[in-house]
C-alpha atoms as a PDB file:
ATOM      1  CA  UNK A   1       5.749  -6.357 -19.171  1.00  0.00           C
ATOM      2  CA  UNK A   2       6.739  -7.082 -15.924  1.00  0.00           C
ATOM      3  CA  UNK A   3       4.182  -6.877 -13.294  1.00  0.00           C
ATOM      4  CA  UNK A   4       5.536  -5.261  -9.575  1.00  0.00           C
ATOM      5  CA  UNK A   5       4.482  -6.136  -6.154  1.00  0.00           C
ATOM      6  CA  UNK A   6       5.053  -3.566  -3.132  1.00  0.00           C
ATOM      7  CA  UNK A   7       7.756  -5.602  -1.323  1.00  0.00           C
ATOM      8  CA  UNK A   8       6.709  -4.486   2.082  1.00  0.00           C
ATOM      9  CA  UNK A   9       3.085  -6.523   1.741  1.00  0.00           C
ATOM     10  CA  UNK A  10       5.077  -9.529   2.051  1.00  0.00           C
ATOM     11  CA  UNK A  11       5.994  -8.867   5.585  1.00  0.00           C
ATOM     12  CA  UNK A  12       2.475 -10.069   5.770  1.00  0.00           C
ATOM     13  CA  UNK A  13       3.574 -13.461   5.045  1.00  0.00           C
ATOM     14  CA  UNK A  14       6.843 -13.132   6.559  1.00  0.00           C
ATOM     15  CA  UNK A  15       4.980 -12.926   9.913  1.00  0.00           C
ATOM     16  CA  UNK A  16       2.572 -16.158   8.991  1.00  0.00           C
ATOM     17  CA  UNK A  17       5.767 -18.311   8.280  1.00  0.00           C
ATOM     18  CA  UNK A  18       7.060 -16.976  11.934  1.00  0.00           C
ATOM     19  CA  UNK A  19       3.784 -17.937  13.556  1.00  0.00           C
ATOM     20  CA  UNK A  20       4.030 -21.662  12.012  1.00  0.00           C
ATOM     21  CA  UNK A  21       7.334 -21.802  13.543  1.00  0.00           C
ATOM     22  CA  UNK A  22       8.883 -21.437   9.911  1.00  0.00           C
ATOM     23  CA  UNK A  23      12.117 -19.503   9.066  1.00  0.00           C
ATOM     24  CA  UNK A  24      10.816 -16.978   6.504  1.00  0.00           C
ATOM     25  CA  UNK A  25      14.603 -15.585   5.500  1.00  0.00           C
ATOM     26  CA  UNK A  26      14.752 -19.227   3.935  1.00  0.00           C
ATOM     27  CA  UNK A  27      11.477 -19.174   2.340  1.00  0.00           C
ATOM     28  CA  UNK A  28      12.247 -15.848   0.851  1.00  0.00           C
ATOM     29  CA  UNK A  29      16.056 -16.661  -0.672  1.00  0.00           C
ATOM     30  CA  UNK A  30      14.436 -19.809  -2.444  1.00  0.00           C
ATOM     31  CA  UNK A  31      11.999 -17.288  -3.879  1.00  0.00           C
ATOM     32  CA  UNK A  32      14.961 -15.261  -4.923  1.00  0.00           C
ATOM     33  CA  UNK A  33      13.444 -12.400  -3.244  1.00  0.00           C
ATOM     34  CA  UNK A  34      15.899 -10.145  -1.120  1.00  0.00           C
ATOM     35  CA  UNK A  35      14.008  -9.896   2.116  1.00  0.00           C
ATOM     36  CA  UNK A  36      15.635  -6.431   3.420  1.00  0.00           C
ATOM     37  CA  UNK A  37      13.402  -4.773  -0.079  1.00  0.00           C
ATOM     38  CA  UNK A  38      10.313  -5.135   2.683  1.00  0.00           C
ATOM     39  CA  UNK A  39      11.972  -2.359   4.438  1.00  0.00           C
ATOM     40  CA  UNK A  40      12.721   0.081   1.672  1.00  0.00           C
ATOM     41  CA  UNK A  41      10.058   2.505   1.198  1.00  0.00           C
ATOM     42  CA  UNK A  42       8.943   1.999  -2.445  1.00  0.00           C
ATOM     43  CA  UNK A  43      10.437  -1.158  -3.046  1.00  0.00           C
ATOM     44  CA  UNK A  44       9.105  -3.607  -5.052  1.00  0.00           C
ATOM     45  CA  UNK A  45       9.087  -7.549  -5.720  1.00  0.00           C
ATOM     46  CA  UNK A  46       8.051  -9.076  -9.580  1.00  0.00           C
ATOM     47  CA  UNK A  47       4.651 -10.247  -9.347  1.00  0.00           C
ATOM     48  CA  UNK A  48       6.400 -13.776 -10.882  1.00  0.00           C
ATOM     49  CA  UNK A  49       8.578 -14.117  -7.776  1.00  0.00           C
ATOM     50  CA  UNK A  50       5.734 -13.147  -4.972  1.00  0.00           C
ATOM     51  CA  UNK A  51       3.822 -15.963  -6.445  1.00  0.00           C
ATOM     52  CA  UNK A  52       6.387 -18.618  -6.285  1.00  0.00           C
ATOM     53  CA  UNK A  53       7.139 -16.928  -2.617  1.00  0.00           C
ATOM     54  CA  UNK A  54       3.535 -18.514  -1.824  1.00  0.00           C
ATOM     55  CA  UNK A  55       4.036 -21.370  -3.196  1.00  0.00           C
ATOM     56  CA  UNK A  56       7.295 -22.239  -1.437  1.00  0.00           C
ATOM     57  CA  UNK A  57       5.655 -21.024   1.886  1.00  0.00           C
ATOM     58  CA  UNK A  58       2.628 -23.717   1.075  1.00  0.00           C
ATOM     59  CA  UNK A  59       4.776 -26.029   0.436  1.00  0.00           C
ATOM     60  CA  UNK A  60       6.620 -25.590   3.986  1.00  0.00           C
ATOM     61  CA  UNK A  61       3.680 -24.672   5.893  1.00  0.00           C
ATOM     62  CA  UNK A  62       1.515 -27.632   4.767  1.00  0.00           C
ATOM     63  CA  UNK A  63      -1.947 -26.417   6.627  1.00  0.00           C
ATOM     64  CA  UNK A  64      -4.010 -25.315   3.723  1.00  0.00           C
ATOM     65  CA  UNK A  65      -5.715 -22.556   5.527  1.00  0.00           C
ATOM     66  CA  UNK A  66      -2.682 -20.591   6.303  1.00  0.00           C
ATOM     67  CA  UNK A  67      -3.907 -17.615   4.376  1.00  0.00           C
ATOM     68  CA  UNK A  68      -6.273 -17.018   6.568  1.00  0.00           C
ATOM     69  CA  UNK A  69      -3.646 -16.025   9.237  1.00  0.00           C
ATOM     70  CA  UNK A  70      -3.344 -12.627   7.444  1.00  0.00           C
ATOM     71  CA  UNK A  71      -6.221 -11.473   9.101  1.00  0.00           C
ATOM     72  CA  UNK A  72      -3.948 -11.340  12.524  1.00  0.00           C
ATOM     73  CA  UNK A  73      -0.441 -10.548  11.095  1.00  0.00           C
ATOM     74  CA  UNK A  74      -0.889  -6.992   9.189  1.00  0.00           C
ATOM     75  CA  UNK A  75      -0.335  -3.819  10.230  1.00  0.00           C
ATOM     76  CA  UNK A  76      -1.211  -0.536   8.171  1.00  0.00           C
ATOM     77  CA  UNK A  77       2.527   0.168   7.550  1.00  0.00           C
ATOM     78  CA  UNK A  78       2.780  -3.034   5.492  1.00  0.00           C
ATOM     79  CA  UNK A  79       0.620  -1.467   3.191  1.00  0.00           C
ATOM     80  CA  UNK A  80       2.498   2.092   2.904  1.00  0.00           C
ATOM     81  CA  UNK A  81      -0.161   5.062   2.684  1.00  0.00           C
ATOM     82  CA  UNK A  82      -3.078   3.203   1.515  1.00  0.00           C
ATOM     83  CA  UNK A  83      -3.100   1.107   4.520  1.00  0.00           C
ATOM     84  CA  UNK A  84      -3.505   4.083   6.984  1.00  0.00           C
ATOM     85  CA  UNK A  85      -5.916   5.735   4.060  1.00  0.00           C
ATOM     86  CA  UNK A  86      -8.021   2.436   4.214  1.00  0.00           C
ATOM     87  CA  UNK A  87      -8.792   3.273   8.150  1.00  0.00           C
ATOM     88  CA  UNK A  88      -9.632   6.914   8.110  1.00  0.00           C
ATOM     89  CA  UNK A  89     -12.574   6.129   5.381  1.00  0.00           C
ATOM     90  CA  UNK A  90     -15.890   7.350   6.126  1.00  0.00           C
ATOM     91  CA  UNK A  91     -17.985   4.518   5.139  1.00  0.00           C
ATOM     92  CA  UNK A  92     -17.566   0.628   4.273  1.00  0.00           C
ATOM     93  CA  UNK A  93     -18.061   1.471   0.923  1.00  0.00           C
ATOM     94  CA  UNK A  94     -15.680   4.019   0.928  1.00  0.00           C
ATOM     95  CA  UNK A  95     -13.123   1.826   2.191  1.00  0.00           C
ATOM     96  CA  UNK A  96     -13.680  -1.081  -0.337  1.00  0.00           C
ATOM     97  CA  UNK A  97     -14.141   1.849  -3.206  1.00  0.00           C
ATOM     98  CA  UNK A  98     -10.668   3.674  -2.327  1.00  0.00           C
ATOM     99  CA  UNK A  99      -8.796  -0.127  -1.851  1.00  0.00           C
ATOM    100  CA  UNK A 100      -9.570  -0.484  -5.981  1.00  0.00           C
ATOM    101  CA  UNK A 101      -9.032   3.190  -6.678  1.00  0.00           C
ATOM    102  CA  UNK A 102      -5.321   2.682  -5.543  1.00  0.00           C
ATOM    103  CA  UNK A 103      -4.452  -0.761  -5.501  1.00  0.00           C
ATOM    104  CA  UNK A 104      -1.905  -0.447  -7.868  1.00  0.00           C
ATOM    105  CA  UNK A 105       0.047   0.714  -4.636  1.00  0.00           C
ATOM    106  CA  UNK A 106       0.044  -2.365  -3.765  1.00  0.00           C
ATOM    107  CA  UNK A 107       0.241  -4.279  -7.172  1.00  0.00           C
ATOM    108  CA  UNK A 108       0.273  -3.765 -10.301  1.00  0.00           C
ATOM    109  CA  UNK A 109      -2.110  -6.750 -11.622  1.00  0.00           C
ATOM    110  CA  UNK A 110      -6.069  -6.093 -11.825  1.00  0.00           C
ATOM    111  CA  UNK A 111      -7.284  -6.999  -8.042  1.00  0.00           C
ATOM    112  CA  UNK A 112     -11.176  -6.393  -7.995  1.00  0.00           C
ATOM    113  CA  UNK A 113     -14.343  -4.828  -8.681  1.00  0.00           C
ATOM    114  CA  UNK A 114     -17.519  -3.708  -6.610  1.00  0.00           C
ATOM    115  CA  UNK A 115     -21.326  -4.034  -7.557  1.00  0.00           C
ATOM    116  CA  UNK A 116     -24.767  -3.718  -5.757  1.00  0.00           C
ATOM    117  CA  UNK A 117     -27.071  -6.363  -5.904  1.00  0.00           C
ATOM    118  CA  UNK A 118     -30.558  -4.433  -5.397  1.00  0.00           C
ATOM    119  CA  UNK A 119     -32.347  -7.669  -5.532  1.00  0.00           C
ATOM    120  CA  UNK A 120     -30.359  -9.443  -2.681  1.00  0.00           C
ATOM    121  CA  UNK A 121     -29.440  -5.573  -0.317  1.00  0.00           C
ATOM    122  CA  UNK A 122     -25.641  -5.995  -0.796  1.00  0.00           C
ATOM    123  CA  UNK A 123     -22.952  -4.894  -2.070  1.00  0.00           C
ATOM    124  CA  UNK A 124     -20.757  -7.397  -3.357  1.00  0.00           C
ATOM    125  CA  UNK A 125     -16.958  -6.989  -3.773  1.00  0.00           C
ATOM    126  CA  UNK A 126     -15.407  -9.745  -6.310  1.00  0.00           C
ATOM    127  CA  UNK A 127     -11.248 -11.003  -6.608  1.00  0.00           C
ATOM    128  CA  UNK A 128     -10.644 -10.285 -10.301  1.00  0.00           C
ATOM    129  CA  UNK A 129      -7.003 -11.355 -10.530  1.00  0.00           C
ATOM    130  CA  UNK A 130      -6.853 -12.129 -14.507  1.00  0.00           C
ATOM    131  CA  UNK A 131      -3.266 -10.914 -14.560  1.00  0.00           C
ATOM    132  CA  UNK A 132      -2.346 -13.671 -11.862  1.00  0.00           C
ATOM    133  CA  UNK A 133      -3.543 -17.170 -12.913  1.00  0.00           C
ATOM    134  CA  UNK A 134      -3.279 -19.619 -11.485  1.00  0.00           C
ATOM    135  CA  UNK A 135      -3.637 -17.774  -8.254  1.00  0.00           C
ATOM    136  CA  UNK A 136      -3.055 -19.881  -5.229  1.00  0.00           C
ATOM    137  CA  UNK A 137      -5.671 -20.993  -2.452  1.00  0.00           C
ATOM    138  CA  UNK A 138      -3.020 -19.546   0.280  1.00  0.00           C
ATOM    139  CA  UNK A 139      -3.312 -16.058  -1.871  1.00  0.00           C
ATOM    140  CA  UNK A 140      -7.068 -16.197  -2.262  1.00  0.00           C
ATOM    141  CA  UNK A 141      -7.418 -16.972   1.300  1.00  0.00           C
ATOM    142  CA  UNK A 142      -5.382 -13.982   2.754  1.00  0.00           C
ATOM    143  CA  UNK A 143      -6.661 -11.419   0.194  1.00  0.00           C
ATOM    144  CA  UNK A 144     -10.037 -11.467   1.363  1.00  0.00           C
ATOM    145  CA  UNK A 145      -9.045 -12.231   5.648  1.00  0.00           C
ATOM    146  CA  UNK A 146      -6.754  -9.316   5.370  1.00  0.00           C
ATOM    147  CA  UNK A 147     -10.157  -6.998   4.031  1.00  0.00           C
ATOM    148  CA  UNK A 148     -12.641  -8.210   6.170  1.00  0.00           C
ATOM    149  CA  UNK A 149     -10.190  -7.771   9.004  1.00  0.00           C
ATOM    150  CA  UNK A 150      -9.985  -4.233   7.839  1.00  0.00           C
ATOM    151  CA  UNK A 151     -13.562  -3.165   7.425  1.00  0.00           C
ATOM    152  CA  UNK A 152     -14.071  -5.135  10.735  1.00  0.00           C
ATOM    153  CA  UNK A 153     -11.318  -2.452  12.555  1.00  0.00           C
ATOM    154  CA  UNK A 154     -13.157   0.472  10.516  1.00  0.00           C
ATOM    155  CA  UNK A 155     -17.048  -0.623  11.667  1.00  0.00           C
ATOM    156  CA  UNK A 156     -16.917  -3.188  14.292  1.00  0.00           C
ATOM    157  CA  UNK A 157     -15.070  -6.697  15.121  1.00  0.00           C
ATOM    158  CA  UNK A 158     -18.810  -8.460  14.942  1.00  0.00           C
ATOM    159  CA  UNK A 159     -19.408  -7.203  11.238  1.00  0.00           C
ATOM    160  CA  UNK A 160     -20.582 -10.298   9.780  1.00  0.00           C
ATOM    161  CA  UNK A 161     -20.729 -10.618   5.977  1.00  0.00           C
ATOM    162  CA  UNK A 162     -23.795 -11.699   3.989  1.00  0.00           C
ATOM    163  CA  UNK A 163     -21.775 -14.288   2.330  1.00  0.00           C
ATOM    164  CA  UNK A 164     -18.196 -15.434   1.095  1.00  0.00           C
ATOM    165  CA  UNK A 165     -17.041 -17.214  -1.516  1.00  0.00           C
ATOM    166  CA  UNK A 166     -13.687 -18.725  -2.729  1.00  0.00           C
ATOM    167  CA  UNK A 167     -13.154 -20.306  -6.062  1.00  0.00           C
ATOM    168  CA  UNK A 168     -10.942 -23.254  -4.607  1.00  0.00           C
ATOM    169  CA  UNK A 169     -12.810 -26.620  -3.381  1.00  0.00           C
ATOM    170  CA  UNK A 170     -13.574 -27.138   0.283  1.00  0.00           C
ATOM    171  CA  UNK A 171     -10.282 -27.821   2.364  1.00  0.00           C
ATOM    172  CA  UNK A 172     -10.131 -30.569   5.170  1.00  0.00           C
ATOM    173  CA  UNK A 173      -9.840 -26.867   7.797  1.00  0.00           C
ATOM    174  CA  UNK A 174     -13.221 -25.391   5.950  1.00  0.00           C
ATOM    175  CA  UNK A 175     -14.027 -24.899   9.964  1.00  0.00           C
ATOM    176  CA  UNK A 176     -11.268 -22.179  10.155  1.00  0.00           C
ATOM    177  CA  UNK A 177     -13.303 -20.233   7.207  1.00  0.00           C
ATOM    178  CA  UNK A 178     -16.801 -20.361   9.223  1.00  0.00           C
ATOM    179  CA  UNK A 179     -14.858 -19.356  12.627  1.00  0.00           C
ATOM    180  CA  UNK A 180     -13.138 -16.343  11.322  1.00  0.00           C
ATOM    181  CA  UNK A 181     -15.843 -14.726   9.027  1.00  0.00           C
ATOM    182  CA  UNK A 182     -19.045 -15.664  10.894  1.00  0.00           C
ATOM    183  CA  UNK A 183     -20.873 -16.039   7.759  1.00  0.00           C
ATOM    184  CA  UNK A 184     -22.496 -18.173   5.131  1.00  0.00           C
ATOM    185  CA  UNK A 185     -19.354 -19.673   2.650  1.00  0.00           C
ATOM    186  CA  UNK A 186     -19.208 -21.598  -0.579  1.00  0.00           C
ATOM    187  CA  UNK A 187     -16.364 -23.066  -1.925  1.00  0.00           C
ATOM    188  CA  UNK A 188     -15.676 -23.923  -6.062  1.00  0.00           C
ATOM    189  CA  UNK A 189     -17.204 -20.681  -6.461  1.00  0.00           C
ATOM    190  CA  UNK A 190     -17.323 -19.610  -9.949  1.00  0.00           C
ATOM    191  CA  UNK A 191     -15.181 -16.159  -8.753  1.00  0.00           C
ATOM    192  CA  UNK A 192     -13.997 -15.161  -4.906  1.00  0.00           C
ATOM    193  CA  UNK A 193     -15.618 -12.113  -3.033  1.00  0.00           C
ATOM    194  CA  UNK A 194     -17.762 -11.437  -0.120  1.00  0.00           C
ATOM    195  CA  UNK A 195     -21.338  -9.593   0.038  1.00  0.00           C
ATOM    196  CA  UNK A 196     -22.235  -7.296   2.658  1.00  0.00           C
ATOM    197  CA  UNK A 197     -25.363  -5.749   3.761  1.00  0.00           C
ATOM    198  CA  UNK A 198     -26.256  -2.537   1.884  1.00  0.00           C
ATOM    199  CA  UNK A 199     -27.958  -1.064   4.971  1.00  0.00           C
ATOM    200  CA  UNK A 200     -24.348  -1.376   6.773  1.00  0.00           C
ATOM    201  CA  UNK A 201     -22.066   0.109   3.734  1.00  0.00           C
ATOM    202  CA  UNK A 202     -22.994   4.037   4.004  1.00  0.00           C
ATOM    203  CA  UNK A 203     -23.493   4.205   8.154  1.00  0.00           C
ATOM    204  CA  UNK A 204     -20.286   6.839   8.640  1.00  0.00           C
ATOM    205  CA  UNK A 205     -17.102   5.248  10.495  1.00  0.00           C
ATOM    206  CA  UNK A 206     -16.159   6.034  13.851  1.00  0.00           C
ATOM    207  CA  UNK A 207     -11.981   5.836  12.844  1.00  0.00           C
ATOM    208  CA  UNK A 208     -12.903   8.321   9.770  1.00  0.00           C
ATOM    209  CA  UNK A 209     -10.955  11.276   8.880  1.00  0.00           C
ATOM    210  CA  UNK A 210     -11.547  12.297   4.999  1.00  0.00           C
ATOM    211  CA  UNK A 211      -9.051  14.697   5.353  1.00  0.00           C
ATOM    212  CA  UNK A 212      -6.448  13.144   6.338  1.00  0.00           C
ATOM    213  CA  UNK A 213      -7.182  10.359   3.971  1.00  0.00           C
ATOM    214  CA  UNK A 214      -7.627  12.567   1.165  1.00  0.00           C
ATOM    215  CA  UNK A 215      -4.185  13.610   1.812  1.00  0.00           C
ATOM    216  CA  UNK A 216      -2.860  10.212   1.674  1.00  0.00           C
ATOM    217  CA  UNK A 217      -4.771   9.758  -1.634  1.00  0.00           C
ATOM    218  CA  UNK A 218      -3.138  12.824  -2.688  1.00  0.00           C
ATOM    219  CA  UNK A 219       0.407  10.878  -2.271  1.00  0.00           C
ATOM    220  CA  UNK A 220      -0.858   7.663  -3.777  1.00  0.00           C
ATOM    221  CA  UNK A 221      -2.179   9.491  -6.981  1.00  0.00           C
ATOM    222  CA  UNK A 222       1.822  11.385  -6.894  1.00  0.00           C
ATOM    223  CA  UNK A 223       3.420   8.055  -6.448  1.00  0.00           C
ATOM    224  CA  UNK A 224       0.747   6.281  -9.511  1.00  0.00           C
ATOM    225  CA  UNK A 225       1.943   9.161 -11.959  1.00  0.00           C
ATOM    226  CA  UNK A 226       5.272   8.143 -11.711  1.00  0.00           C
ATOM    227  CA  UNK A 227       5.277   4.151 -11.443  1.00  0.00           C
ATOM    228  CA  UNK A 228       5.363   3.469 -14.754  1.00  0.00           C
ATOM    229  CA  UNK A 229       8.115   5.932 -15.142  1.00  0.00           C
ATOM    230  CA  UNK A 230      11.416   3.797 -14.713  1.00  0.00           C
ATOM    231  CA  UNK A 231      14.335   6.600 -15.352  1.00  0.00           C
ATOM    232  CA  UNK A 232      16.739   6.959 -12.578  1.00  0.00           C
ATOM    233  CA  UNK A 233      15.553  10.586 -12.416  1.00  0.00           C
ATOM    234  CA  UNK A 234      12.080   9.083 -10.830  1.00  0.00           C
ATOM    235  CA  UNK A 235      13.142   6.401  -8.889  1.00  0.00           C
ATOM    236  CA  UNK A 236      15.694   9.264  -7.158  1.00  0.00           C
ATOM    237  CA  UNK A 237      12.688  11.420  -7.051  1.00  0.00           C
ATOM    238  CA  UNK A 238      10.796   8.681  -5.370  1.00  0.00           C
ATOM    239  CA  UNK A 239      13.350   8.115  -2.942  1.00  0.00           C
ATOM    240  CA  UNK A 240      13.577  12.005  -1.697  1.00  0.00           C
ATOM    241  CA  UNK A 241       9.663  11.639  -1.178  1.00  0.00           C
ATOM    242  CA  UNK A 242       9.414   8.934   0.779  1.00  0.00           C
ATOM    243  CA  UNK A 243      13.065  10.199   2.841  1.00  0.00           C
ATOM    244  CA  UNK A 244      11.901  13.703   3.473  1.00  0.00           C
ATOM    245  CA  UNK A 245      10.655  13.738   7.039  1.00  0.00           C
ATOM    246  CA  UNK A 246      13.846  11.843   7.918  1.00  0.00           C
ATOM    247  CA  UNK A 247      15.693  14.502   6.892  1.00  0.00           C
ATOM    248  CA  UNK A 248      18.608  11.974   5.905  1.00  0.00           C
ATOM    249  CA  UNK A 249      18.210  11.701   2.125  1.00  0.00           C
ATOM    250  CA  UNK A 250      22.164  12.092   0.327  1.00  0.00           C
ATOM    251  CA  UNK A 251      23.179  11.504  -2.970  1.00  0.00           C
ATOM    252  CA  UNK A 252      25.185   8.424  -1.152  1.00  0.00           C
ATOM    253  CA  UNK A 253      22.024   6.924   0.432  1.00  0.00           C
ATOM    254  CA  UNK A 254      20.078   7.498  -2.615  1.00  0.00           C
ATOM    255  CA  UNK A 255      22.846   5.464  -4.202  1.00  0.00           C
ATOM    256  CA  UNK A 256      23.238   2.719  -1.900  1.00  0.00           C
ATOM    257  CA  UNK A 257      18.876   2.335  -2.033  1.00  0.00           C
ATOM    258  CA  UNK A 258      19.512   1.821  -5.507  1.00  0.00           C
ATOM    259  CA  UNK A 259      22.483  -0.219  -5.375  1.00  0.00           C
ATOM    260  CA  UNK A 260      24.754   1.584  -8.075  1.00  0.00           C
ATOM    261  CA  UNK A 261      27.795   3.544  -6.665  1.00  0.00           C
ATOM    262  CA  UNK A 262      27.695   7.432  -6.257  1.00  0.00           C
ATOM    263  CA  UNK A 263      29.503   8.084  -8.801  1.00  0.00           C
ATOM    264  CA  UNK A 264      27.663   5.948 -11.534  1.00  0.00           C
ATOM    265  CA  UNK A 265      24.087   7.503  -9.894  1.00  0.00           C
ATOM    266  CA  UNK A 266      25.616  10.940 -10.583  1.00  0.00           C
ATOM    267  CA  UNK A 267      26.701   9.693 -14.465  1.00  0.00           C
ATOM    268  CA  UNK A 268      23.160   8.858 -14.744  1.00  0.00           C
ATOM    269  CA  UNK A 269      21.327  11.490 -13.606  1.00  0.00           C
ATOM    270  CA  UNK A 270      23.866  13.756 -15.479  1.00  0.00           C
ATOM    271  CA  UNK A 271      22.850  11.491 -18.964  1.00  0.00           C
ATOM    272  CA  UNK A 272      18.945  12.355 -18.086  1.00  0.00           C
ATOM    273  CA  UNK A 273      20.075  16.241 -17.430  1.00  0.00           C
ATOM    274  CA  UNK A 274      19.760  16.118 -14.322  1.00  0.00           C
ATOM    275  CA  UNK A 275      21.409  16.090 -11.043  1.00  0.00           C
ATOM    276  CA  UNK A 276      20.217  14.966  -7.242  1.00  0.00           C
ATOM    277  CA  UNK A 277      20.410  18.494  -5.587  1.00  0.00           C
ATOM    278  CA  UNK A 278      18.245  19.824  -8.276  1.00  0.00           C
ATOM    279  CA  UNK A 279      15.796  16.842  -8.016  1.00  0.00           C
ATOM    280  CA  UNK A 280      15.769  17.541  -3.903  1.00  0.00           C
ATOM    281  CA  UNK A 281      15.195  21.396  -4.776  1.00  0.00           C
ATOM    282  CA  UNK A 282      12.344  20.639  -7.019  1.00  0.00           C
ATOM    283  CA  UNK A 283      11.107  17.894  -5.288  1.00  0.00           C
ATOM    284  CA  UNK A 284      11.012  20.196  -2.188  1.00  0.00           C
ATOM    285  CA  UNK A 285       9.781  23.268  -3.809  1.00  0.00           C
ATOM    286  CA  UNK A 286       6.575  21.667  -5.767  1.00  0.00           C
ATOM    287  CA  UNK A 287       5.347  19.589  -1.845  1.00  0.00           C
ATOM    288  CA  UNK A 288       5.964  22.608  -0.595  1.00  0.00           C
ATOM    289  CA  UNK A 289       3.620  24.596  -2.372  1.00  0.00           C
ATOM    290  CA  UNK A 290       1.092  21.953  -2.496  1.00  0.00           C
ATOM    291  CA  UNK A 291       1.576  21.504   1.458  1.00  0.00           C
ATOM    292  CA  UNK A 292       1.093  25.540   1.882  1.00  0.00           C
ATOM    293  CA  UNK A 293      -1.999  26.059   0.098  1.00  0.00           C
ATOM    294  CA  UNK A 294      -3.563  23.654   2.502  1.00  0.00           C
ATOM    295  CA  UNK A 295      -5.000  25.730   5.647  1.00  0.00           C
ATOM    296  CA  UNK A 296      -4.905  23.080   8.240  1.00  0.00           C
ATOM    297  CA  UNK A 297      -1.016  22.140   7.807  1.00  0.00           C
ATOM    298  CA  UNK A 298       0.850  23.391  10.216  1.00  0.00           C
ATOM    299  CA  UNK A 299       4.238  25.454   8.874  1.00  0.00           C
ATOM    300  CA  UNK A 300       6.219  23.720  11.658  1.00  0.00           C
ATOM    301  CA  UNK A 301       4.803  20.202  10.581  1.00  0.00           C
ATOM    302  CA  UNK A 302       5.622  20.973   7.051  1.00  0.00           C
ATOM    303  CA  UNK A 303       9.181  22.357   7.372  1.00  0.00           C
ATOM    304  CA  UNK A 304       9.390  18.638   8.902  1.00  0.00           C
ATOM    305  CA  UNK A 305       7.616  16.901   6.009  1.00  0.00           C
ATOM    306  CA  UNK A 306      10.398  18.749   3.542  1.00  0.00           C
ATOM    307  CA  UNK A 307      13.231  17.884   6.343  1.00  0.00           C
ATOM    308  CA  UNK A 308      13.781  20.969   7.370  1.00  0.00           C
ATOM    309  CA  UNK A 309      15.186  21.001  10.739  1.00  0.00           C
ATOM    310  CA  UNK A 310      13.895  24.622  11.504  1.00  0.00           C
ATOM    311  CA  UNK A 311      10.982  26.655  10.439  1.00  0.00           C
ATOM    312  CA  UNK A 312      13.175  29.524   9.945  1.00  0.00           C
ATOM    313  CA  UNK A 313      15.425  27.505   7.168  1.00  0.00           C
ATOM    314  CA  UNK A 314      12.231  26.505   5.630  1.00  0.00           C
ATOM    315  CA  UNK A 315      11.222  29.839   5.197  1.00  0.00           C
ATOM    316  CA  UNK A 316      13.878  31.198   3.795  1.00  0.00           C
ATOM    317  CA  UNK A 317      14.192  28.099   1.544  1.00  0.00           C
ATOM    318  CA  UNK A 318      10.392  28.655   0.227  1.00  0.00           C
ATOM    319  CA  UNK A 319      10.743  32.716  -0.351  1.00  0.00           C
ATOM    320  CA  UNK A 320      14.046  31.800  -2.439  1.00  0.00           C
ATOM    321  CA  UNK A 321      11.543  29.701  -4.017  1.00  0.00           C
ATOM    322  CA  UNK A 322       8.561  31.586  -4.665  1.00  0.00           C
ATOM    323  CA  UNK A 323       9.288  35.076  -3.421  1.00  0.00           C
ATOM    324  CA  UNK A 324       7.178  35.060  -0.890  1.00  0.00           C
ATOM    325  CA  UNK A 325       7.074  34.057   2.727  1.00  0.00           C
ATOM    326  CA  UNK A 326       4.998  30.961   3.376  1.00  0.00           C
ATOM    327  CA  UNK A 327       2.323  32.848   5.498  1.00  0.00           C
ATOM    328  CA  UNK A 328       2.248  35.482   2.148  1.00  0.00           C
ATOM    329  CA  UNK A 329       1.560  32.295  -0.341  1.00  0.00           C
ATOM    330  CA  UNK A 330      -1.252  30.922   1.551  1.00  0.00           C
ATOM    331  CA  UNK A 331      -2.644  34.301   2.019  1.00  0.00           C
ATOM    332  CA  UNK A 332      -2.537  34.584  -1.431  1.00  0.00           C
ATOM    333  CA  UNK A 333      -3.704  31.268  -3.191  1.00  0.00           C
END
């Protein structure tokens, strides 16, 4: 089974390479990864190639602590819908639970677990990367630095972990770890992870918006449901969902993103018993029904999300699909 990782996540490493005055494109090409894929929504890299990418970066950067730079080189968009959902979570506990629940959006490899230590009064997050051995020091450092950065954005910049553990030996630049995490650190531990005070993990967060977070959760659930299905219809459907708000998805653009000719894509879809237009209409109709049933969503906003330039055009299409206007459908739901 060829496991994959969301390509845009590697924009973090791209930024780190630039911070260290290294040419990121050279490093990506050396790992046989196309940098352009990071800018294509939903595009994924093979996990084994990502491992090579980080090894190549480590060889060129030379700083054994460079993974910690992930804390200042990430943006929510690098992590797709999950990046924003994490920042809208109601508590630190829910932030970590959401990360584990939807981690496959980022990587199909197993990632972590959460446990409560009642005796020490801590919530413990442990990295578990059984699908990715050996797991280089730099990626372990980057994962925990990014998670800690996310938790601090959600809670407060001075959030301090009770403890942090790394499975690798103590590096010569260990001072950077203490400077960033501001808490007790153990190297050569059986597993990597961090522990948070139990008294803080359920405190309501100031930036929480569970309504929007759940909306993003639904989008991620739909994405995960299709992740293992690699049919051409599913791949086109993903592109349609990702590009509908721009209103610019066409069969020609879909073919270009999938690196096939328009004629070949049409033939492949025909072999699977469908067409681009059929996929576009059924995807729009399915999403339209879901969105209209949500009272908090404005109809003009829904029209935009589905790629319609005007509300009137959306309303006519919706009535053709359901026999009811959007308002009638919402009232009957």
